[in-house]
Amino acid sequence: MIPDPYDGFPPGFFDRADDSPDDVFYAPPRLVTHIDDRAIAAVGALYTELGLTGRVLDLMSSWVSHFEHPPAELVVLGMNAAELEANPVATERVVHDLNVDPRIPLPDADVDAVVCCVSVDYLTRPIEVLAEAARVLRPGGTLAVTFSNRCFPSKAVRGWLGTPDEQHGPLVAELVRRAGGFGEATVALRTPPGRRGDPLWAVTAVRS
């Protein structure tokens, strides 16, 4: 029997209050940012610190990818074609619903880095998606998952909403571990603690 990668999570952890098709919810273009300027700057600083300069895949992307210095190639994968088309640094655009099909439509070892910004909480099959991220990454490539304390509550999974903000980092790190193909994940708060504004956490790992 194949082990269940979600063994140990409570029943319904990855269910959502609104389980209607995501392509309906995300059909209207939202050309807005979902975190404040300080958190956005923290995302860009992280990408620069990690040296994400080659071919990068931005999962669950939109009209902006928050790079301080755009990589040589940026593949943006998201739900809304108009948002992806508006992304000025994208070199390739893929409209794809990872909750319908967690497979990433790219070849093996195709990219140098995979990023996912303030979207991991919407994945109903995150382990499969992260396993796919490992597949499309070249050995030594970087995974960077960033998140804050803001979301669309009806579309975030119930387990995320029921977990304290400070535990989201260890949760994502555990999902990365279960996905396989990565070294030990690192969890960090990338914005100064104790200040007003949106916090920004990051989970990073290297493809083994």
Protein backbone atom coordinates (compact mmCIF):
# COMPACT_ATOMS: atom_id res chain seq x y z
CA MET A 1 0.00 0.00 0.00
CA ILE A 2 1.30 3.45 -0.94
CA PRO A 3 1.64 5.64 2.18
CA ASP A 4 -0.73 8.60 2.39
CA PRO A 5 1.45 11.77 2.35
CA TYR A 6 -1.25 13.53 4.41
CA ASP A 7 -1.31 10.91 7.15
CA GLY A 8 -1.54 12.62 10.54
CA PHE A 9 -3.35 15.74 9.38
CA PRO A 10 -6.88 16.07 10.82
CA PRO A 11 -9.77 15.19 8.49
CA GLY A 12 -10.84 18.25 6.50
CA PHE A 13 -7.56 20.11 7.10
CA PHE A 14 -7.20 20.89 3.38
CA ASP A 15 -10.89 21.53 2.74
CA ARG A 16 -12.24 25.05 2.17
CA ALA A 17 -15.41 26.92 3.07
CA ASP A 18 -15.92 27.77 -0.61
CA ASP A 19 -15.26 24.67 -2.66
CA SER A 20 -16.74 26.10 -5.85
CA PRO A 21 -14.46 26.03 -8.94
CA ASP A 22 -11.50 28.35 -8.51
CA ASP A 23 -11.69 29.51 -12.11
CA VAL A 24 -14.99 31.19 -11.27
CA PHE A 25 -13.65 32.94 -8.15
CA TYR A 26 -10.50 34.12 -9.90
CA ALA A 27 -12.16 35.07 -13.20
CA PRO A 28 -12.28 38.85 -12.49
CA PRO A 29 -8.76 40.31 -12.82
CA ARG A 30 -7.45 41.69 -9.51
CA LEU A 31 -4.68 44.13 -10.35
CA VAL A 32 -3.97 44.86 -6.70
CA THR A 33 -1.34 43.80 -4.18
CA HIS A 34 -2.29 41.57 -1.27
CA ILE A 35 0.42 42.61 1.20
CA ASP A 36 1.71 46.04 2.17
CA ASP A 37 4.79 47.78 0.80
CA ARG A 38 7.09 46.65 3.61
CA ALA A 39 6.17 43.00 3.11
CA ILE A 40 6.55 43.38 -0.67
CA ALA A 41 10.04 44.82 -0.12
CA ALA A 42 10.86 41.84 2.10
CA VAL A 43 9.90 39.45 -0.72
CA GLY A 44 12.14 41.28 -3.18
CA ALA A 45 15.02 41.39 -0.73
CA LEU A 46 14.71 37.64 -0.15
CA TYR A 47 14.82 36.90 -3.88
CA THR A 48 17.93 39.07 -4.24
CA GLU A 49 19.58 37.43 -1.23
CA LEU A 50 18.90 33.98 -2.69
CA GLY A 51 20.40 35.00 -6.02
CA LEU A 52 17.40 34.12 -8.17
CA THR A 53 18.80 35.31 -11.49
CA GLY A 54 18.37 32.44 -13.96
CA ARG A 55 15.17 30.74 -15.11
CA VAL A 56 12.52 31.08 -12.38
CA LEU A 57 8.99 29.69 -12.03
CA ASP A 58 6.52 31.87 -10.12
CA LEU A 59 3.69 29.61 -8.92
CA MET A 60 0.16 30.98 -8.43
CA SER A 61 1.36 34.24 -9.89
CA SER A 62 -0.41 37.42 -10.93
CA TRP A 63 0.41 40.79 -12.46
CA VAL A 64 3.44 41.48 -10.25
CA SER A 65 6.20 39.14 -9.01
CA HIS A 66 8.05 41.41 -6.54
CA PHE A 67 11.62 40.91 -7.82
CA GLU A 68 14.05 43.74 -7.12
CA HIS A 69 16.06 42.52 -10.11
CA PRO A 70 14.09 40.41 -12.62
CA PRO A 71 15.62 37.04 -13.49
CA ALA A 72 16.77 36.22 -17.01
CA GLU A 73 13.57 34.22 -17.58
CA LEU A 74 10.38 34.26 -15.53
CA VAL A 75 7.64 31.69 -16.07
CA VAL A 76 4.44 32.86 -14.37
CA LEU A 77 1.77 30.24 -13.65
CA GLY A 78 -1.60 31.40 -12.39
CA MET A 79 -5.37 31.35 -12.74
CA ASN A 80 -6.10 34.58 -14.60
CA ALA A 81 -4.76 35.18 -18.11
CA ALA A 82 -5.27 38.96 -17.95
CA GLU A 83 -3.28 39.22 -14.71
CA LEU A 84 -0.44 37.14 -16.11
CA GLU A 85 -0.41 39.16 -19.33
CA ALA A 86 -0.05 42.34 -17.27
CA ASN A 87 3.08 41.02 -15.50
CA PRO A 88 5.84 43.16 -17.03
CA VAL A 89 8.77 40.87 -16.22
CA ALA A 90 7.20 37.57 -17.33
CA THR A 91 8.82 35.85 -20.30
CA GLU A 92 6.40 32.89 -20.36
CA ARG A 93 2.81 32.64 -19.13
CA VAL A 94 0.89 29.50 -18.15
CA VAL A 95 -2.79 29.51 -17.12
CA HIS A 96 -3.24 26.47 -14.90
CA ASP A 97 -5.31 25.48 -11.84
CA LEU A 98 -3.09 23.53 -9.45
CA ASN A 99 -6.08 22.51 -7.32
CA VAL A 100 -7.62 20.74 -10.31
CA ASP A 101 -4.32 19.30 -11.52
CA PRO A 102 -1.25 19.64 -9.25
CA ARG A 103 1.09 18.70 -12.10
CA ILE A 104 3.23 21.61 -13.30
CA PRO A 105 3.27 21.65 -17.13
CA LEU A 106 7.06 22.00 -17.45
CA PRO A 107 9.79 19.44 -18.17
CA ASP A 108 11.96 17.81 -15.53
CA ALA A 109 14.86 19.96 -14.22
CA ASP A 110 13.66 22.96 -16.24
CA VAL A 111 14.14 25.87 -13.82
CA ASP A 112 16.73 27.21 -11.40
CA ALA A 113 14.22 28.38 -8.80
CA VAL A 114 10.56 28.08 -7.85
CA VAL A 115 8.82 30.83 -5.88
CA CYS A 116 5.31 31.00 -4.46
CA CYS A 117 4.21 34.28 -2.88
CA VAL A 118 1.24 34.56 -0.48
CA SER A 119 -0.62 31.68 -2.11
CA VAL A 120 0.41 28.40 -0.48
CA ASP A 121 -2.60 28.60 1.87
CA TYR A 122 -4.97 28.10 -1.08
CA LEU A 123 -3.53 24.74 -2.18
CA THR A 124 -5.75 21.75 -1.47
CA ARG A 125 -3.01 19.29 -2.49
CA PRO A 126 0.14 21.17 -1.46
CA ILE A 127 2.38 18.11 -1.08
CA GLU A 128 1.78 17.06 -4.68
CA VAL A 129 2.44 20.61 -5.90
CA LEU A 130 5.66 20.85 -3.89
CA ALA A 131 6.74 17.45 -5.22
CA GLU A 132 6.18 18.84 -8.71
CA ALA A 133 8.26 21.89 -7.77
CA ALA A 134 11.08 19.51 -6.88
CA ARG A 135 10.66 17.71 -10.20
CA VAL A 136 10.93 20.84 -12.36
CA LEU A 137 13.85 22.24 -10.33
CA ARG A 138 17.42 21.54 -11.34
CA PRO A 139 19.62 19.94 -8.65
CA GLY A 140 20.78 22.69 -6.31
CA GLY A 141 17.86 24.89 -7.31
CA THR A 142 15.97 26.99 -4.77
CA LEU A 143 12.40 26.85 -3.49
CA ALA A 144 11.08 30.01 -1.78
CA VAL A 145 7.57 30.07 -0.30
CA THR A 146 6.49 33.36 1.28
CA PHE A 147 3.27 34.15 3.13
CA SER A 148 1.69 36.69 5.46
CA ASN A 149 -1.39 36.78 7.66
CA ARG A 150 -3.77 37.96 4.94
CA CYS A 151 -5.85 35.81 2.61
CA PHE A 152 -9.27 35.22 1.07
CA PRO A 153 -10.70 33.21 4.01
CA SER A 154 -13.28 31.39 1.92
CA LYS A 155 -10.56 29.99 -0.36
CA ALA A 156 -7.82 29.30 2.19
CA VAL A 157 -7.81 25.75 3.54
CA ARG A 158 -9.42 25.23 6.92
CA GLY A 159 -6.24 23.97 8.56
CA TRP A 160 -4.39 27.17 7.66
CA LEU A 161 -7.16 29.34 9.09
CA GLY A 162 -7.22 27.25 12.27
CA THR A 163 -3.44 27.38 12.83
CA PRO A 164 -1.73 30.35 14.58
CA ASP A 165 0.34 32.57 12.27
CA GLU A 166 3.56 31.58 14.03
CA GLN A 167 2.92 27.91 13.20
CA HIS A 168 2.44 28.44 9.46
CA GLY A 169 6.19 28.34 8.84
CA PRO A 170 6.67 24.94 10.50
CA LEU A 171 3.55 23.72 8.67
CA VAL A 172 4.94 24.68 5.26
CA ALA A 173 8.34 23.22 6.18
CA GLU A 174 6.63 19.92 7.02
CA LEU A 175 4.80 19.96 3.67
CA VAL A 176 8.15 20.49 1.93
CA ARG A 177 9.65 17.60 3.88
CA ARG A 178 6.79 15.29 2.92
CA ALA A 179 7.04 16.32 -0.74
CA GLY A 180 10.59 14.93 -0.89
CA GLY A 181 13.47 16.00 -3.08
CA PHE A 182 14.61 18.88 -0.88
CA GLY A 183 17.13 19.39 1.87
CA GLU A 184 15.98 20.63 5.26
CA ALA A 185 13.71 23.68 4.93
CA THR A 186 14.51 26.94 6.70
CA VAL A 187 11.79 29.11 8.26
CA ALA A 188 12.34 32.84 8.84
CA LEU A 189 10.34 35.95 9.66
CA ARG A 190 11.56 38.43 7.05
CA THR A 191 9.95 41.58 8.49
CA PRO A 192 10.94 43.14 11.82
CA PRO A 193 8.87 41.70 14.69
CA GLY A 194 6.65 43.87 16.82
CA ARG A 195 5.93 46.55 14.24
CA ARG A 196 2.63 47.44 12.64
CA GLY A 197 2.01 46.19 9.13
CA ASP A 198 1.91 42.86 7.36
CA PRO A 199 4.40 40.25 8.59
CA LEU A 200 6.23 38.25 5.93
CA TRP A 201 7.50 34.72 6.59
CA ALA A 202 9.60 32.66 4.22
CA VAL A 203 10.26 28.94 3.93
CA THR A 204 13.23 28.12 1.72
CA ALA A 205 14.80 24.85 0.68
CA VAL A 206 17.33 23.57 -1.85
CA ARG A 207 16.65 20.81 -4.38
CA SER A 208 18.79 17.82 -3.49
